Amino acid sequence: MASKAVTIGDLIHRVASSCLSNRFPGNYAHHGSDLDDDDDDDPFADFGDAATHEECPRPAVRAGAEEGDDEARRLRIWEEGEEHKRRTKNAAAAEEEAEGAERAGDAESLMAEVFDAVSGVRRAYAALQGAHCPWDPDRMRAADAGVVAELRHLARLRDRFRRAAASPGGRIPRPSPSAPPLREAVAPYEAALDDLRRQLQGKQAEVDGLKEKLATATNRRNARLHPSKKHHHTLAAAPAAEVGAATAELFVACAEQARAATRAFAAHLLHLLRAAGLDPAAATRSVTKIPVSSPQLAKHALEAHATAVLLGGFEHESFYLDGSLSSLLDPAAFRRERYAQFRDMRGMDPGELLGVLPTCAFGRYAASKFASLLPPRVEEAVLGSDEHKKAVGAGAHPRTPFYGEFLRAAKAVWLLHLLAFALEPPPSHFEAGRGAEFHPEYMESVAGPAPRGAGMVVGFAVAPGFKLCNAAVVRARVYLVPRGGSRQ
């Protein structure tokens, strides 16, 4: 059968008919079409549903992508927080480790300083021992000052360690570059001042000796230029030692030297009491029996005690060491002998003298006074043992700084005693009793000028006074208190 030819118009008709009789894909239809209600007879229903199933998942995919982005963002924020925590923790650990390393470094530095300080103390003590033999007073003073300086340095290190232990962080404070404490800054100047005072005393002794030689030379020159029978008779009758005899002025100068030496010894004893860890006021009360209640008065009380011990028996020609009465048998010869001993011993070192003649009169005097100076318990606390007293009692004289200071004070008092019995008549000494009225012409206050307009009385006597044949007076040293007051 011959087929009918298909034209373009037929194709357009078929497509148009199909579009009008069926729904558009995706359930789209013309408005007002009656085909909207024939959903069951729609041949493209399946196609529309398929199209719908293919197109609908696209919004779901976009929502899932947005939720994934939120989750990734939250995960990224959490990871950044964890990373920040790790960094903070690591930084804190590193800081703590650095601080620990710094504390360890400070501790090592402190220990190194402690070892250096201990080595310095050993070197200073070795120098002190080297100054003992042969005995050298200048080296002894320098070595003693060196030992004190090293011990003070060690004490400062101890204080640094204690402050570190008491601090909350346990940090060891570094040494401050600021100025040292006032006591430590003044100590070298005080030592230098004491040394200058000793040198001044020595120079004064040399001046007195030169004055004596000048007076002797002047008398001899006058004797040669103006000879006379009377003068020849006087020189023939008087021995050579009588020329340039003792004078009251020389006694006054020696009295001041003896007081200065006693004050220096009392200051040294007070330093040893403090170094031994004793309370100055309590230790002074046990030593002196003076009711001292403040550390400021301890030095005056110790000076009073040392003066009383060294001057005990001063009125006797031998300090009651023996029963000699030479001054009564031949007074003139006795005076000449005492003045000759004074001049011979004046320039001698007491340690060297006792090293040669340990049992001489001065050695027996020093041993007896040292035995009654300190109670056994105080001596053991200050010197570490009673070996000093045992050695001195056995006739030996130890060469230690403490005993050296004592010998200098004892020698000054011994020279004063020799000069006193070389005078004619010997000077008489007087003391001010507790509660006595203050008389400026006979007394001087150890605490400075007495306040005017206030009734002051003697609290305790520090040193006795002397009356000389030429009416000169060496005033007594006293500590004053207000009348009716108990302050000491």
Foldseek 3Di string as FASTA:
>chain_A
DDDDDDDPVNVVVVVVVVPLVAADALRHDDPPDPCNVPLVPHPCNVVNVVVVVVPPCPVVVVVVVVVVVVVVVVVVVVVVVVVVVVVVVVVVVVVVVVVVVVQVVQVVVLVVQLVVLVVQLVVLVVQCVVCVVVPDVVSNLVSVVSNVLSVVSNVVSVVQQVVLVPDPVSHRDDDDPDDDDPCSVCVVVVSVVLVVVVVVLVVVLVVLVVVLVVQLVVVVVCCVVDPDPVSVVVPVVDDPLPRSFFDPVVLLSLVVQLLSLLLVLLVVLLVLCVVLVHDLQVQLCVQQVANADDNVCSSLSLLQLLQCLLCQLLVDLLSVPDDDDVCVVDVQVLLSVLRVVLVVCVPDQLVVVCVVVLPDSLNVSLLVSVLSRGDQVSCCSRVVHCVQNVQSVVSHHDRDPSSSSSSSSNVSSSSSSSSQSSDVVRKDKDWFAAFAFDDVQAEDEPVDHDDPPFGKGFHHWNHIKIADPVRDIRHTYTHIDGVPDDHD
